[in-house]
Amino acid sequence: MIGILAVVATAIPTSLILISWFLEKIGLRPKNPTEVKSDPYECGMEAVGGPWHKFNFKYYMYAILFVIFDVEIIFLYPWAVKFLDLSLFALIEMFVFVGILLIGWLYAWRKNDLEWR
């Protein structure tokens, strides 16, 4: 069953790409390259500056912190669903897990990475 799914998942995108390529070669798909089509798209606004400009480091820090704490919540969900069926050992493990998460949050707070300056 998985083998069939793998073949279908590979065949469909490949066939669509080949059909598109073939339609371009025989002239059914238009090909009108213009300068406007190669410009970067920024939400309908005119692009400002080049593609390589510096961002504030805080954007990066917020993104990393979000990913870290979001992944931790993903680990908490299955534990919360099975809470009543788990033993005392699982409860202690979760306290250790949340404790490590709390230490990371306090570290970020002490470094003022949670404040926008």
PDB file of N, CA and C in Angstrom:
ATOM      1  N   MET A   1       0.820  -1.194   0.000  1.00  0.00           N
ATOM      2  CA  MET A   1       0.000   0.000   0.000  1.00  0.00           C
ATOM      3  C   MET A   1       0.869   1.265   0.000  1.00  0.00           C
ATOM      4  N   ILE A   2       1.918   1.269   0.838  1.00  0.00           N
ATOM      5  CA  ILE A   2       2.789   2.440   0.909  1.00  0.00           C
ATOM      6  C   ILE A   2       3.565   2.598  -0.392  1.00  0.00           C
ATOM      7  N   GLY A   3       3.922   1.482  -1.019  1.00  0.00           N
ATOM      8  CA  GLY A   3       4.621   1.545  -2.294  1.00  0.00           C
ATOM      9  C   GLY A   3       3.769   2.192  -3.378  1.00  0.00           C
ATOM     10  N   ILE A   4       2.480   1.842  -3.396  1.00  0.00           N
ATOM     11  CA  ILE A   4       1.565   2.448  -4.370  1.00  0.00           C
ATOM     12  C   ILE A   4       1.438   3.940  -4.104  1.00  0.00           C
ATOM     13  N   LEU A   5       1.320   4.310  -2.842  1.00  0.00           N
ATOM     14  CA  LEU A   5       1.211   5.724  -2.482  1.00  0.00           C
ATOM     15  C   LEU A   5       2.465   6.490  -2.901  1.00  0.00           C
ATOM     16  N   ALA A   6       3.627   5.890  -2.711  1.00  0.00           N
ATOM     17  CA  ALA A   6       4.875   6.549  -3.101  1.00  0.00           C
ATOM     18  C   ALA A   6       4.945   6.737  -4.611  1.00  0.00           C
ATOM     19  N   VAL A   7       4.505   5.735  -5.363  1.00  0.00           N
ATOM     20  CA  VAL A   7       4.516   5.851  -6.824  1.00  0.00           C
ATOM     21  C   VAL A   7       3.554   6.940  -7.285  1.00  0.00           C
ATOM     22  N   VAL A   8       2.352   6.966  -6.716  1.00  0.00           N
ATOM     23  CA  VAL A   8       1.359   7.981  -7.091  1.00  0.00           C
ATOM     24  C   VAL A   8       1.838   9.371  -6.682  1.00  0.00           C
ATOM     25  N   ALA A   9       2.415   9.496  -5.479  1.00  0.00           N
ATOM     26  CA  ALA A   9       2.891  10.797  -4.998  1.00  0.00           C
ATOM     27  C   ALA A   9       4.053  11.313  -5.836  1.00  0.00           C
ATOM     28  N   THR A  10       4.778  10.442  -6.473  1.00  0.00           N
ATOM     29  CA  THR A  10       5.862  10.862  -7.361  1.00  0.00           C
ATOM     30  C   THR A  10       5.358  11.082  -8.784  1.00  0.00           C
ATOM     31  N   ALA A  11       4.440  10.248  -9.233  1.00  0.00           N
ATOM     32  CA  ALA A  11       3.977  10.301 -10.619  1.00  0.00           C
ATOM     33  C   ALA A  11       3.125  11.533 -10.907  1.00  0.00           C
ATOM     34  N   ILE A  12       2.260  11.923  -9.994  1.00  0.00           N
ATOM     35  CA  ILE A  12       1.362  13.055 -10.256  1.00  0.00           C
ATOM     36  C   ILE A  12       2.132  14.361 -10.441  1.00  0.00           C
ATOM     37  N   PRO A  13       2.994  14.780  -9.510  1.00  0.00           N
ATOM     38  CA  PRO A  13       3.726  16.032  -9.751  1.00  0.00           C
ATOM     39  C   PRO A  13       4.642  15.963 -10.977  1.00  0.00           C
ATOM     40  N   THR A  14       5.276  14.807 -11.177  1.00  0.00           N
ATOM     41  CA  THR A  14       6.161  14.666 -12.328  1.00  0.00           C
ATOM     42  C   THR A  14       5.382  14.786 -13.631  1.00  0.00           C
ATOM     43  N   SER A  15       4.218  14.144 -13.699  1.00  0.00           N
ATOM     44  CA  SER A  15       3.424  14.228 -14.927  1.00  0.00           C
ATOM     45  C   SER A  15       2.901  15.638 -15.156  1.00  0.00           C
ATOM     46  N   LEU A  16       2.519  16.351 -14.115  1.00  0.00           N
ATOM     47  CA  LEU A  16       2.051  17.729 -14.284  1.00  0.00           C
ATOM     48  C   LEU A  16       3.170  18.640 -14.785  1.00  0.00           C
ATOM     49  N   ILE A  17       4.366  18.453 -14.276  1.00  0.00           N
ATOM     50  CA  ILE A  17       5.506  19.248 -14.749  1.00  0.00           C
ATOM     51  C   ILE A  17       5.810  18.919 -16.206  1.00  0.00           C
ATOM     52  N   LEU A  18       5.786  17.642 -16.560  1.00  0.00           N
ATOM     53  CA  LEU A  18       6.056  17.255 -17.948  1.00  0.00           C
ATOM     54  C   LEU A  18       4.973  17.757 -18.896  1.00  0.00           C
ATOM     55  N   ILE A  19       3.708  17.712 -18.484  1.00  0.00           N
ATOM     56  CA  ILE A  19       2.620  18.237 -19.317  1.00  0.00           C
ATOM     57  C   ILE A  19       2.794  19.731 -19.529  1.00  0.00           C
ATOM     58  N   SER A  20       3.131  20.456 -18.480  1.00  0.00           N
ATOM     59  CA  SER A  20       3.353  21.898 -18.604  1.00  0.00           C
ATOM     60  C   SER A  20       4.514  22.188 -19.547  1.00  0.00           C
ATOM     61  N   TRP A  21       5.583  21.445 -19.431  1.00  0.00           N
ATOM     62  CA  TRP A  21       6.745  21.626 -20.303  1.00  0.00           C
ATOM     63  C   TRP A  21       6.380  21.326 -21.756  1.00  0.00           C
ATOM     64  N   PHE A  22       5.616  20.242 -21.966  1.00  0.00           N
ATOM     65  CA  PHE A  22       5.207  19.869 -23.316  1.00  0.00           C
ATOM     66  C   PHE A  22       4.291  20.929 -23.928  1.00  0.00           C
ATOM     67  N   LEU A  23       3.340  21.453 -23.146  1.00  0.00           N
ATOM     68  CA  LEU A  23       2.438  22.490 -23.652  1.00  0.00           C
ATOM     69  C   LEU A  23       3.195  23.762 -24.012  1.00  0.00           C
ATOM     70  N   GLU A  24       4.254  24.060 -23.284  1.00  0.00           N
ATOM     71  CA  GLU A  24       5.068  25.224 -23.637  1.00  0.00           C
ATOM     72  C   GLU A  24       5.798  24.979 -24.956  1.00  0.00           C
ATOM     73  N   LYS A  25       6.327  23.784 -25.135  1.00  0.00           N
ATOM     74  CA  LYS A  25       7.095  23.477 -26.344  1.00  0.00           C
ATOM     75  C   LYS A  25       6.230  23.514 -27.604  1.00  0.00           C
ATOM     76  N   ILE A  26       4.971  23.083 -27.495  1.00  0.00           N
ATOM     77  CA  ILE A  26       4.125  23.094 -28.694  1.00  0.00           C
ATOM     78  C   ILE A  26       3.396  24.427 -28.865  1.00  0.00           C
ATOM     79  N   GLY A  27       3.574  25.337 -27.925  1.00  0.00           N
ATOM     80  CA  GLY A  27       3.040  26.685 -28.087  1.00  0.00           C
ATOM     81  C   GLY A  27       1.664  26.914 -27.496  1.00  0.00           C
ATOM     82  N   LEU A  28       1.127  25.986 -26.726  1.00  0.00           N
ATOM     83  CA  LEU A  28      -0.189  26.188 -26.114  1.00  0.00           C
ATOM     84  C   LEU A  28      -0.120  27.001 -24.827  1.00  0.00           C
ATOM     85  N   ARG A  29       1.009  26.991 -24.202  1.00  0.00           N
ATOM     86  CA  ARG A  29       1.180  27.782 -22.987  1.00  0.00           C
ATOM     87  C   ARG A  29       1.950  29.040 -23.347  1.00  0.00           C
ATOM     88  N   PRO A  30       1.425  30.213 -23.007  1.00  0.00           N
ATOM     89  CA  PRO A  30       2.124  31.442 -23.393  1.00  0.00           C
ATOM     90  C   PRO A  30       3.427  31.615 -22.617  1.00  0.00           C
ATOM     91  N   LYS A  31       4.382  32.192 -23.302  1.00  0.00           N
ATOM     92  CA  LYS A  31       5.655  32.498 -22.663  1.00  0.00           C
ATOM     93  C   LYS A  31       6.006  33.927 -23.050  1.00  0.00           C
ATOM     94  N   ASN A  32       5.681  34.867 -22.189  1.00  0.00           N
ATOM     95  CA  ASN A  32       5.916  36.283 -22.441  1.00  0.00           C
ATOM     96  C   ASN A  32       6.757  36.866 -21.314  1.00  0.00           C
ATOM     97  N   PRO A  33       8.058  36.633 -21.318  1.00  0.00           N
ATOM     98  CA  PRO A  33       8.872  37.183 -20.229  1.00  0.00           C
ATOM     99  C   PRO A  33       8.964  38.706 -20.334  1.00  0.00           C
ATOM    100  N   THR A  34       8.710  39.363 -19.216  1.00  0.00           N
ATOM    101  CA  THR A  34       8.859  40.817 -19.138  1.00  0.00           C
ATOM    102  C   THR A  34       9.644  41.157 -17.886  1.00  0.00           C
ATOM    103  N   GLU A  35      10.087  42.398 -17.812  1.00  0.00           N
ATOM    104  CA  GLU A  35      10.859  42.830 -16.647  1.00  0.00           C
ATOM    105  C   GLU A  35      10.000  42.852 -15.386  1.00  0.00           C
ATOM    106  N   VAL A  36       8.733  43.176 -15.540  1.00  0.00           N
ATOM    107  CA  VAL A  36       7.836  43.253 -14.387  1.00  0.00           C
ATOM    108  C   VAL A  36       7.639  41.875 -13.766  1.00  0.00           C
ATOM    109  N   LYS A  37       7.583  40.833 -14.602  1.00  0.00           N
ATOM    110  CA  LYS A  37       7.366  39.482 -14.088  1.00  0.00           C
ATOM    111  C   LYS A  37       8.546  38.966 -13.276  1.00  0.00           C
ATOM    112  N   SER A  38       9.727  39.518 -13.501  1.00  0.00           N
ATOM    113  CA  SER A  38      10.898  39.053 -12.763  1.00  0.00           C
ATOM    114  C   SER A  38      11.164  39.870 -11.504  1.00  0.00           C
ATOM    115  N   ASP A  39      10.358  40.901 -11.240  1.00  0.00           N
ATOM    116  CA  ASP A  39      10.519  41.693 -10.018  1.00  0.00           C
ATOM    117  C   ASP A  39      10.044  40.896  -8.808  1.00  0.00           C
ATOM    118  N   PRO A  40      10.654  41.108  -7.649  1.00  0.00           N
ATOM    119  CA  PRO A  40      10.153  40.445  -6.441  1.00  0.00           C
ATOM    120  C   PRO A  40       8.794  41.013  -6.046  1.00  0.00           C
ATOM    121  N   TYR A  41       7.951  40.160  -5.491  1.00  0.00           N
ATOM    122  CA  TYR A  41       6.605  40.573  -5.095  1.00  0.00           C
ATOM    123  C   TYR A  41       6.587  40.809  -3.591  1.00  0.00           C
ATOM    124  N   GLU A  42       6.185  41.990  -3.184  1.00  0.00           N
ATOM    125  CA  GLU A  42       6.110  42.322  -1.763  1.00  0.00           C
ATOM    126  C   GLU A  42       4.710  42.821  -1.432  1.00  0.00           C
ATOM    127  N   CYS A  43       3.760  41.919  -1.365  1.00  0.00           N
ATOM    128  CA  CYS A  43       2.383  42.232  -0.956  1.00  0.00           C
ATOM    129  C   CYS A  43       1.749  43.312  -1.827  1.00  0.00           C
ATOM    130  N   GLY A  44       2.054  43.337  -3.083  1.00  0.00           N
ATOM    131  CA  GLY A  44       1.462  44.310  -3.975  1.00  0.00           C
ATOM    132  C   GLY A  44       2.122  45.672  -3.941  1.00  0.00           C
ATOM    133  N   MET A  45       3.078  45.848  -3.067  1.00  0.00           N
ATOM    134  CA  MET A  45       3.776  47.133  -2.960  1.00  0.00           C
ATOM    135  C   MET A  45       4.995  47.125  -3.879  1.00  0.00           C
ATOM    136  N   GLU A  46       5.427  48.303  -4.233  1.00  0.00           N
ATOM    137  CA  GLU A  46       6.651  48.441  -5.024  1.00  0.00           C
ATOM    138  C   GLU A  46       7.841  48.001  -4.168  1.00  0.00           C
ATOM    139  N   ALA A  47       8.710  47.171  -4.722  1.00  0.00           N
ATOM    140  CA  ALA A  47       9.867  46.679  -3.975  1.00  0.00           C
ATOM    141  C   ALA A  47      10.810  47.835  -3.650  1.00  0.00           C
ATOM    142  N   VAL A  48      11.266  47.858  -2.391  1.00  0.00           N
ATOM    143  CA  VAL A  48      12.151  48.929  -1.937  1.00  0.00           C
ATOM    144  C   VAL A  48      13.521  48.334  -1.666  1.00  0.00           C
ATOM    145  N   GLY A  49      14.551  48.855  -2.292  1.00  0.00           N
ATOM    146  CA  GLY A  49      15.911  48.388  -2.037  1.00  0.00           C
ATOM    147  C   GLY A  49      16.185  47.042  -2.680  1.00  0.00           C
ATOM    148  N   GLY A  50      17.359  46.544  -2.391  1.00  0.00           N
ATOM    149  CA  GLY A  50      17.773  45.256  -2.924  1.00  0.00           C
ATOM    150  C   GLY A  50      17.305  44.115  -2.031  1.00  0.00           C
ATOM    151  N   PRO A  51      17.543  42.887  -2.470  1.00  0.00           N
ATOM    152  CA  PRO A  51      17.103  41.750  -1.670  1.00  0.00           C
ATOM    153  C   PRO A  51      17.969  41.499  -0.437  1.00  0.00           C
ATOM    154  N   TRP A  52      19.165  42.060  -0.382  1.00  0.00           N
ATOM    155  CA  TRP A  52      20.065  41.817   0.738  1.00  0.00           C
ATOM    156  C   TRP A  52      20.168  43.068   1.598  1.00  0.00           C
ATOM    157  N   HIS A  53      19.310  43.160   2.602  1.00  0.00           N
ATOM    158  CA  HIS A  53      19.423  44.253   3.555  1.00  0.00           C
ATOM    159  C   HIS A  53      19.310  43.684   4.958  1.00  0.00           C
ATOM    160  N   LYS A  54      19.821  44.414   5.910  1.00  0.00           N
ATOM    161  CA  LYS A  54      19.920  43.915   7.278  1.00  0.00           C
ATOM    162  C   LYS A  54      18.585  44.055   8.002  1.00  0.00           C
ATOM    163  N   PHE A  55      18.258  43.033   8.785  1.00  0.00           N
ATOM    164  CA  PHE A  55      17.096  43.053   9.655  1.00  0.00           C
ATOM    165  C   PHE A  55      17.575  43.222  11.085  1.00  0.00           C
ATOM    166  N   ASN A  56      16.701  43.707  11.902  1.00  0.00           N
ATOM    167  CA  ASN A  56      16.993  43.801  13.320  1.00  0.00           C
ATOM    168  C   ASN A  56      17.137  42.384  13.882  1.00  0.00           C
ATOM    169  N   PHE A  57      18.112  42.167  14.732  1.00  0.00           N
ATOM    170  CA  PHE A  57      18.363  40.853  15.309  1.00  0.00           C
ATOM    171  C   PHE A  57      17.190  40.365  16.153  1.00  0.00           C
ATOM    172  N   LYS A  58      16.385  41.288  16.665  1.00  0.00           N
ATOM    173  CA  LYS A  58      15.245  40.903  17.503  1.00  0.00           C
ATOM    174  C   LYS A  58      14.247  40.041  16.737  1.00  0.00           C
ATOM    175  N   TYR A  59      14.097  40.255  15.432  1.00  0.00           N
ATOM    176  CA  TYR A  59      13.198  39.404  14.649  1.00  0.00           C
ATOM    177  C   TYR A  59      13.662  37.957  14.724  1.00  0.00           C
ATOM    178  N   TYR A  60      14.962  37.751  14.569  1.00  0.00           N
ATOM    179  CA  TYR A  60      15.531  36.411  14.631  1.00  0.00           C
ATOM    180  C   TYR A  60      15.315  35.804  16.018  1.00  0.00           C
ATOM    181  N   MET A  61      15.564  36.597  17.062  1.00  0.00           N
ATOM    182  CA  MET A  61      15.430  36.086  18.423  1.00  0.00           C
ATOM    183  C   MET A  61      13.982  35.696  18.725  1.00  0.00           C
ATOM    184  N   TYR A  62      13.036  36.531  18.319  1.00  0.00           N
ATOM    185  CA  TYR A  62      11.628  36.192  18.534  1.00  0.00           C
ATOM    186  C   TYR A  62      11.248  34.927  17.770  1.00  0.00           C
ATOM    187  N   ALA A  63      11.745  34.768  16.566  1.00  0.00           N
ATOM    188  CA  ALA A  63      11.428  33.578  15.778  1.00  0.00           C
ATOM    189  C   ALA A  63      11.985  32.323  16.443  1.00  0.00           C
ATOM    190  N   ILE A  64      13.219  32.379  16.902  1.00  0.00           N
ATOM    191  CA  ILE A  64      13.827  31.219  17.561  1.00  0.00           C
ATOM    192  C   ILE A  64      13.081  30.876  18.847  1.00  0.00           C
ATOM    193  N   LEU A  65      12.781  31.890  19.651  1.00  0.00           N
ATOM    194  CA  LEU A  65      12.055  31.634  20.897  1.00  0.00           C
ATOM    195  C   LEU A  65      10.669  31.069  20.618  1.00  0.00           C
ATOM    196  N   PHE A  66       9.995  31.581  19.594  1.00  0.00           N
ATOM    197  CA  PHE A  66       8.679  31.055  19.252  1.00  0.00           C
ATOM    198  C   PHE A  66       8.767  29.587  18.859  1.00  0.00           C
ATOM    199  N   VAL A  67       9.731  29.242  18.017  1.00  0.00           N
ATOM    200  CA  VAL A  67       9.861  27.855  17.574  1.00  0.00           C
ATOM    201  C   VAL A  67      10.168  26.943  18.754  1.00  0.00           C
ATOM    202  N   ILE A  68      11.064  27.367  19.627  1.00  0.00           N
ATOM    203  CA  ILE A  68      11.424  26.538  20.781  1.00  0.00           C
ATOM    204  C   ILE A  68      10.214  26.288  21.667  1.00  0.00           C
ATOM    205  N   PHE A  69       9.512  27.338  22.053  1.00  0.00           N
ATOM    206  CA  PHE A  69       8.389  27.169  22.968  1.00  0.00           C
ATOM    207  C   PHE A  69       7.194  26.520  22.277  1.00  0.00           C
ATOM    208  N   ASP A  70       7.038  26.706  20.994  1.00  0.00           N
ATOM    209  CA  ASP A  70       5.955  26.059  20.267  1.00  0.00           C
ATOM    210  C   ASP A  70       6.186  24.557  20.180  1.00  0.00           C
ATOM    211  N   VAL A  71       7.412  24.144  19.944  1.00  0.00           N
ATOM    212  CA  VAL A  71       7.723  22.716  19.897  1.00  0.00           C
ATOM    213  C   VAL A  71       7.522  22.086  21.273  1.00  0.00           C
ATOM    214  N   GLU A  72       7.831  22.820  22.313  1.00  0.00           N
ATOM    215  CA  GLU A  72       7.616  22.291  23.662  1.00  0.00           C
ATOM    216  C   GLU A  72       6.128  22.045  23.917  1.00  0.00           C
ATOM    217  N   ILE A  73       5.276  22.917  23.428  1.00  0.00           N
ATOM    218  CA  ILE A  73       3.836  22.724  23.595  1.00  0.00           C
ATOM    219  C   ILE A  73       3.376  21.486  22.832  1.00  0.00           C
ATOM    220  N   ILE A  74       3.984  21.220  21.691  1.00  0.00           N
ATOM    221  CA  ILE A  74       3.641  20.010  20.937  1.00  0.00           C
ATOM    222  C   ILE A  74       3.969  18.769  21.760  1.00  0.00           C
ATOM    223  N   PHE A  75       5.040  18.810  22.541  1.00  0.00           N
ATOM    224  CA  PHE A  75       5.380  17.678  23.396  1.00  0.00           C
ATOM    225  C   PHE A  75       4.452  17.575  24.604  1.00  0.00           C
ATOM    226  N   LEU A  76       3.895  18.681  25.042  1.00  0.00           N
ATOM    227  CA  LEU A  76       2.985  18.653  26.185  1.00  0.00           C
ATOM    228  C   LEU A  76       1.608  18.088  25.829  1.00  0.00           C
ATOM    229  N   TYR A  77       1.168  18.255  24.600  1.00  0.00           N
ATOM    230  CA  TYR A  77      -0.187  17.858  24.223  1.00  0.00           C
ATOM    231  C   TYR A  77      -0.460  16.360  24.421  1.00  0.00           C
ATOM    232  N   PRO A  78       0.381  15.442  23.909  1.00  0.00           N
ATOM    233  CA  PRO A  78       0.075  14.019  24.118  1.00  0.00           C
ATOM    234  C   PRO A  78       0.066  13.634  25.597  1.00  0.00           C
ATOM    235  N   TRP A  79       0.921  14.258  26.367  1.00  0.00           N
ATOM    236  CA  TRP A  79       0.935  13.981  27.798  1.00  0.00           C
ATOM    237  C   TRP A  79      -0.382  14.417  28.435  1.00  0.00           C
ATOM    238  N   ALA A  80      -0.901  15.574  28.046  1.00  0.00           N
ATOM    239  CA  ALA A  80      -2.152  16.076  28.607  1.00  0.00           C
ATOM    240  C   ALA A  80      -3.330  15.194  28.210  1.00  0.00           C
ATOM    241  N   VAL A  81      -3.295  14.640  27.018  1.00  0.00           N
ATOM    242  CA  VAL A  81      -4.390  13.781  26.564  1.00  0.00           C
ATOM    243  C   VAL A  81      -4.422  12.485  27.367  1.00  0.00           C
ATOM    244  N   LYS A  82      -3.274  11.931  27.682  1.00  0.00           N
ATOM    245  CA  LYS A  82      -3.184  10.659  28.404  1.00  0.00           C
ATOM    246  C   LYS A  82      -2.910  10.838  29.897  1.00  0.00           C
ATOM    247  N   PHE A  83      -3.163  12.006  30.437  1.00  0.00           N
ATOM    248  CA  PHE A  83      -2.796  12.320  31.817  1.00  0.00           C
ATOM    249  C   PHE A  83      -3.366  11.323  32.819  1.00  0.00           C
ATOM    250  N   LEU A  84      -4.630  10.963  32.704  1.00  0.00           N
ATOM    251  CA  LEU A  84      -5.256  10.083  33.692  1.00  0.00           C
ATOM    252  C   LEU A  84      -4.730   8.651  33.627  1.00  0.00           C
ATOM    253  N   ASP A  85      -4.202   8.227  32.487  1.00  0.00           N
ATOM    254  CA  ASP A  85      -3.706   6.858  32.335  1.00  0.00           C
ATOM    255  C   ASP A  85      -2.232   6.708  32.698  1.00  0.00           C
ATOM    256  N   LEU A  86      -1.548   7.802  32.977  1.00  0.00           N
ATOM    257  CA  LEU A  86      -0.110   7.756  33.223  1.00  0.00           C
ATOM    258  C   LEU A  86       0.200   7.576  34.707  1.00  0.00           C
ATOM    259  N   SER A  87       1.411   7.146  34.980  1.00  0.00           N
ATOM    260  CA  SER A  87       1.832   6.894  36.358  1.00  0.00           C
ATOM    261  C   SER A  87       2.450   8.143  36.978  1.00  0.00           C
ATOM    262  N   LEU A  88       2.875   8.000  38.228  1.00  0.00           N
ATOM    263  CA  LEU A  88       3.538   9.091  38.935  1.00  0.00           C
ATOM    264  C   LEU A  88       4.866   9.438  38.267  1.00  0.00           C
ATOM    265  N   PHE A  89       5.531   8.438  37.706  1.00  0.00           N
ATOM    266  CA  PHE A  89       6.800   8.674  37.020  1.00  0.00           C
ATOM    267  C   PHE A  89       6.627   9.643  35.845  1.00  0.00           C
ATOM    268  N   ALA A  90       5.541   9.485  35.100  1.00  0.00           N
ATOM    269  CA  ALA A  90       5.276  10.386  33.968  1.00  0.00           C
ATOM    270  C   ALA A  90       5.011  11.803  34.460  1.00  0.00           C
ATOM    271  N   LEU A  91       4.368  11.938  35.610  1.00  0.00           N
ATOM    272  CA  LEU A  91       4.118  13.263  36.176  1.00  0.00           C
ATOM    273  C   LEU A  91       5.437  13.928  36.578  1.00  0.00           C
ATOM    274  N   ILE A  92       6.329  13.162  37.192  1.00  0.00           N
ATOM    275  CA  ILE A  92       7.636  13.702  37.583  1.00  0.00           C
ATOM    276  C   ILE A  92       8.446  14.080  36.341  1.00  0.00           C
ATOM    277  N   GLU A  93       8.400  13.225  35.316  1.00  0.00           N
ATOM    278  CA  GLU A  93       9.094  13.556  34.065  1.00  0.00           C
ATOM    279  C   GLU A  93       8.585  14.864  33.471  1.00  0.00           C
ATOM    280  N   MET A  94       7.278  15.076  33.526  1.00  0.00           N
ATOM    281  CA  MET A  94       6.721  16.298  32.952  1.00  0.00           C
ATOM    282  C   MET A  94       7.105  17.515  33.782  1.00  0.00           C
ATOM    283  N   PHE A  95       7.183  17.368  35.103  1.00  0.00           N
ATOM    284  CA  PHE A  95       7.647  18.485  35.934  1.00  0.00           C
ATOM    285  C   PHE A  95       9.098  18.849  35.594  1.00  0.00           C
ATOM    286  N   VAL A  96       9.937  17.844  35.360  1.00  0.00           N
ATOM    287  CA  VAL A  96      11.319  18.112  34.956  1.00  0.00           C
ATOM    288  C   VAL A  96      11.335  18.809  33.597  1.00  0.00           C
ATOM    289  N   PHE A  97      10.523  18.336  32.680  1.00  0.00           N
ATOM    290  CA  PHE A  97      10.444  18.919  31.339  1.00  0.00           C
ATOM    291  C   PHE A  97       9.989  20.374  31.396  1.00  0.00           C
ATOM    292  N   VAL A  98       8.937  20.643  32.138  1.00  0.00           N
ATOM    293  CA  VAL A  98       8.430  22.014  32.271  1.00  0.00           C
ATOM    294  C   VAL A  98       9.434  22.866  33.047  1.00  0.00           C
ATOM    295  N   GLY A  99      10.150  22.267  33.995  1.00  0.00           N
ATOM    296  CA  GLY A  99      11.178  23.006  34.725  1.00  0.00           C
ATOM    297  C   GLY A  99      12.297  23.473  33.808  1.00  0.00           C
ATOM    298  N   ILE A 100      12.749  22.588  32.919  1.00  0.00           N
ATOM    299  CA  ILE A 100      13.775  22.979  31.949  1.00  0.00           C
ATOM    300  C   ILE A 100      13.245  24.071  31.034  1.00  0.00           C
ATOM    301  N   LEU A 101      11.994  23.953  30.627  1.00  0.00           N
ATOM    302  CA  LEU A 101      11.367  24.983  29.795  1.00  0.00           C
ATOM    303  C   LEU A 101      11.293  26.310  30.541  1.00  0.00           C
ATOM    304  N   LEU A 102      10.955  26.267  31.812  1.00  0.00           N
ATOM    305  CA  LEU A 102      10.878  27.480  32.629  1.00  0.00           C
ATOM    306  C   LEU A 102      12.260  28.116  32.797  1.00  0.00           C
ATOM    307  N   ILE A 103      13.286  27.305  32.966  1.00  0.00           N
ATOM    308  CA  ILE A 103      14.650  27.836  33.071  1.00  0.00           C
ATOM    309  C   ILE A 103      15.037  28.552  31.778  1.00  0.00           C
ATOM    310  N   GLY A 104      14.691  27.975  30.634  1.00  0.00           N
ATOM    311  CA  GLY A 104      14.971  28.632  29.353  1.00  0.00           C
ATOM    312  C   GLY A 104      14.224  29.938  29.201  1.00  0.00           C
ATOM    313  N   TRP A 105      12.967  29.959  29.633  1.00  0.00           N
ATOM    314  CA  TRP A 105      12.170  31.187  29.554  1.00  0.00           C
ATOM    315  C   TRP A 105      12.745  32.263  30.478  1.00  0.00           C
ATOM    316  N   LEU A 106      13.139  31.878  31.694  1.00  0.00           N
ATOM    317  CA  LEU A 106      13.735  32.842  32.622  1.00  0.00           C
ATOM    318  C   LEU A 106      15.072  33.367  32.097  1.00  0.00           C
ATOM    319  N   TYR A 107      15.850  32.504  31.460  1.00  0.00           N
ATOM    320  CA  TYR A 107      17.117  32.940  30.872  1.00  0.00           C
ATOM    321  C   TYR A 107      16.878  33.991  29.784  1.00  0.00           C
ATOM    322  N   ALA A 108      15.897  33.733  28.923  1.00  0.00           N
ATOM    323  CA  ALA A 108      15.577  34.706  27.864  1.00  0.00           C
ATOM    324  C   ALA A 108      15.045  36.002  28.468  1.00  0.00           C
ATOM    325  N   TRP A 109      14.300  35.889  29.542  1.00  0.00           N
ATOM    326  CA  TRP A 109      13.744  37.074  30.199  1.00  0.00           C
ATOM    327  C   TRP A 109      14.857  37.908  30.836  1.00  0.00           C
ATOM    328  N   ARG A 110      15.803  37.229  31.510  1.00  0.00           N
ATOM    329  CA  ARG A 110      16.919  37.937  32.155  1.00  0.00           C
ATOM    330  C   ARG A 110      17.815  38.647  31.146  1.00  0.00           C
ATOM    331  N   LYS A 111      17.955  38.063  29.966  1.00  0.00           N
ATOM    332  CA  LYS A 111      18.771  38.693  28.928  1.00  0.00           C
ATOM    333  C   LYS A 111      17.998  39.785  28.188  1.00  0.00           C
ATOM    334  N   ASN A 112      16.772  40.047  28.611  1.00  0.00           N
ATOM    335  CA  ASN A 112      15.879  41.034  27.984  1.00  0.00           C
ATOM    336  C   ASN A 112      15.615  40.719  26.515  1.00  0.00           C
ATOM    337  N   ASP A 113      15.582  39.445  26.175  1.00  0.00           N
ATOM    338  CA  ASP A 113      15.260  39.059  24.805  1.00  0.00           C
ATOM    339  C   ASP A 113      13.761  39.050  24.552  1.00  0.00           C
ATOM    340  N   LEU A 114      12.964  39.178  25.593  1.00  0.00           N
ATOM    341  CA  LEU A 114      11.516  39.204  25.430  1.00  0.00           C
ATOM    342  C   LEU A 114      10.979  40.620  25.322  1.00  0.00           C
ATOM    343  N   GLU A 115      11.848  41.609  25.436  1.00  0.00           N
ATOM    344  CA  GLU A 115      11.435  43.011  25.326  1.00  0.00           C
ATOM    345  C   GLU A 115      11.938  43.583  24.015  1.00  0.00           C
ATOM    346  N   TRP A 116      11.094  44.361  23.388  1.00  0.00           N
ATOM    347  CA  TRP A 116      11.482  44.996  22.129  1.00  0.00           C
ATOM    348  C   TRP A 116      12.108  46.348  22.424  1.00  0.00           C
ATOM    349  N   ARG A 117      13.369  46.515  22.023  1.00  0.00           N
ATOM    350  CA  ARG A 117      14.062  47.789  22.232  1.00  0.00           C
ATOM    351  C   ARG A 117      14.523  48.349  20.932  1.00  0.00           C
TER     352      ARG A 117
END
